[in-house]
C-alpha atoms as a PDB file:
ATOM      1  CA  ILE A   1      48.445 175.721   9.233  1.00  0.00           C
ATOM      2  CA  ASN A   2      51.937 175.634   7.695  1.00  0.00           C
ATOM      3  CA  GLU A   3      55.235 177.130   9.900  1.00  0.00           C
ATOM      4  CA  PRO A   4      55.168 180.826   7.988  1.00  0.00           C
ATOM      5  CA  ASP A   5      51.564 181.242   8.657  1.00  0.00           C
ATOM      6  CA  PHE A   6      51.732 180.082  12.199  1.00  0.00           C
ATOM      7  CA  LEU A   7      54.576 182.805  12.885  1.00  0.00           C
ATOM      8  CA  ASP A   8      52.800 185.381  10.974  1.00  0.00           C
ATOM      9  CA  ALA A   9      49.826 184.486  13.149  1.00  0.00           C
ATOM     10  CA  LEU A  10      51.460 184.436  16.455  1.00  0.00           C
ATOM     11  CA  ARG A  11      52.923 188.434  15.324  1.00  0.00           C
ATOM     12  CA  LYS A  12      49.632 189.334  14.706  1.00  0.00           C
ATOM     13  CA  ALA A  13      48.087 188.232  17.926  1.00  0.00           C
ATOM     14  CA  ALA A  14      51.183 189.775  19.772  1.00  0.00           C
ATOM     15  CA  TRP A  15      50.594 193.191  17.724  1.00  0.00           C
ATOM     16  CA  GLN A  16      46.921 193.300  18.530  1.00  0.00           C
ATOM     17  CA  ALA A  17      47.611 192.471  22.316  1.00  0.00           C
ATOM     18  CA  GLY A  18      50.368 195.112  22.441  1.00  0.00           C
ATOM     19  CA  ARG A  19      53.071 192.676  23.211  1.00  0.00           C
ATOM     20  CA  HIS A  20      56.495 191.591  21.734  1.00  0.00           C
ATOM     21  CA  VAL A  21      57.167 188.127  21.239  1.00  0.00           C
ATOM     22  CA  GLN A  22      60.829 186.731  21.027  1.00  0.00           C
ATOM     23  CA  ILE A  23      61.267 183.400  19.649  1.00  0.00           C
ATOM     24  CA  ILE A  24      63.687 181.042  21.337  1.00  0.00           C
ATOM     25  CA  HIS A  25      62.885 177.754  19.440  1.00  0.00           C
ATOM     26  CA  VAL A  26      60.704 176.854  16.801  1.00  0.00           C
ATOM     27  CA  GLY A  27      60.167 172.828  16.737  1.00  0.00           C
ATOM     28  CA  GLY A  28      58.105 170.127  16.076  1.00  0.00           C
ATOM     29  CA  ALA A  29      57.736 166.216  15.661  1.00  0.00           C
ATOM     30  CA  GLY A  30      60.806 164.061  16.856  1.00  0.00           C
ATOM     31  CA  GLY A  31      62.818 162.097  14.879  1.00  0.00           C
ATOM     32  CA  ASP A  32      60.177 159.311  15.278  1.00  0.00           C
ATOM     33  CA  HIS A  33      57.492 160.976  13.436  1.00  0.00           C
ATOM     34  CA  PRO A  34      58.961 160.898   9.733  1.00  0.00           C
ATOM     35  CA  TYR A  35      56.931 162.687   6.718  1.00  0.00           C
ATOM     36  CA  PHE A  36      56.967 162.630   3.204  1.00  0.00           C
ATOM     37  CA  THR A  37      58.182 165.379   1.222  1.00  0.00           C
ATOM     38  CA  HIS A  38      55.381 165.473  -1.608  1.00  0.00           C
ATOM     39  CA  VAL A  39      52.909 165.503   1.525  1.00  0.00           C
ATOM     40  CA  MET A  40      53.507 168.674   3.649  1.00  0.00           C
ATOM     41  CA  GLU A  41      50.470 167.939   5.506  1.00  0.00           C
ATOM     42  CA  GLY A  42      52.650 165.601   7.750  1.00  0.00           C
ATOM     43  CA  ARG A  43      54.245 168.415   9.100  1.00  0.00           C
ATOM     44  CA  TYR A  44      51.274 169.062  11.571  1.00  0.00           C
ATOM     45  CA  LEU A  45      53.053 168.985  14.778  1.00  0.00           C
ATOM     46  CA  LYS A  46      54.627 172.537  15.620  1.00  0.00           C
ATOM     47  CA  ALA A  47      55.757 174.052  18.732  1.00  0.00           C
ATOM     48  CA  ILE A  48      57.127 177.799  19.415  1.00  0.00           C
ATOM     49  CA  PHE A  49      58.999 178.486  22.511  1.00  0.00           C
ATOM     50  CA  ALA A  50      58.835 182.099  23.077  1.00  0.00           C
ATOM     51  CA  ARG A  51      59.526 185.065  25.485  1.00  0.00           C
ATOM     52  CA  VAL A  52      56.522 187.460  25.629  1.00  0.00           C
ATOM     53  CA  THR A  53      57.020 190.891  26.769  1.00  0.00           C
ATOM     54  CA  THR A  54      54.831 194.170  26.902  1.00  0.00           C
ATOM     55  CA  ALA A  55      55.450 196.500  24.000  1.00  0.00           C
ATOM     56  CA  LYS A  56      55.658 199.700  26.519  1.00  0.00           C
ATOM     57  CA  ASN A  57      59.233 200.872  27.381  1.00  0.00           C
ATOM     58  CA  MET A  58      60.946 198.731  24.975  1.00  0.00           C
ATOM     59  CA  SER A  59      63.749 201.457  24.714  1.00  0.00           C
ATOM     60  CA  GLN A  60      64.890 200.168  28.279  1.00  0.00           C
ATOM     61  CA  GLY A  61      64.951 196.718  27.021  1.00  0.00           C
ATOM     62  CA  PRO A  62      62.099 193.974  27.093  1.00  0.00           C
ATOM     63  CA  ARG A  63      60.351 193.355  30.329  1.00  0.00           C
ATOM     64  CA  PRO A  64      58.616 190.369  31.252  1.00  0.00           C
ATOM     65  CA  LEU A  65      54.725 190.228  31.431  1.00  0.00           C
ATOM     66  CA  GLU A  66      53.594 191.394  34.984  1.00  0.00           C
ATOM     67  CA  GLY A  67      53.199 188.524  37.349  1.00  0.00           C
ATOM     68  CA  TYR A  68      55.328 186.200  35.431  1.00  0.00           C
ATOM     69  CA  ALA A  69      57.749 184.178  37.506  1.00  0.00           C
ATOM     70  CA  GLY A  70      59.567 182.533  34.671  1.00  0.00           C
ATOM     71  CA  ASP A  71      63.387 181.825  34.573  1.00  0.00           C
ATOM     72  CA  PHE A  72      63.795 184.802  32.256  1.00  0.00           C
ATOM     73  CA  GLU A  73      63.503 187.536  34.394  1.00  0.00           C
END
């Protein structure tokens, strides 16, 4: 899956779950995993670091999911 489709799938899943997703970082393979420009399938390693919040009460700002004890509270 390419990166735009991956992010779109994340967006759709968040909408269906009634959540908001704030992307913190989009990452992938390190420099020791090169790929050819003509073979984009070589960019198969992807990572999304995100904050997920409930969609309700967003006028008061994003809120962490209940029971979440992460660093973003």
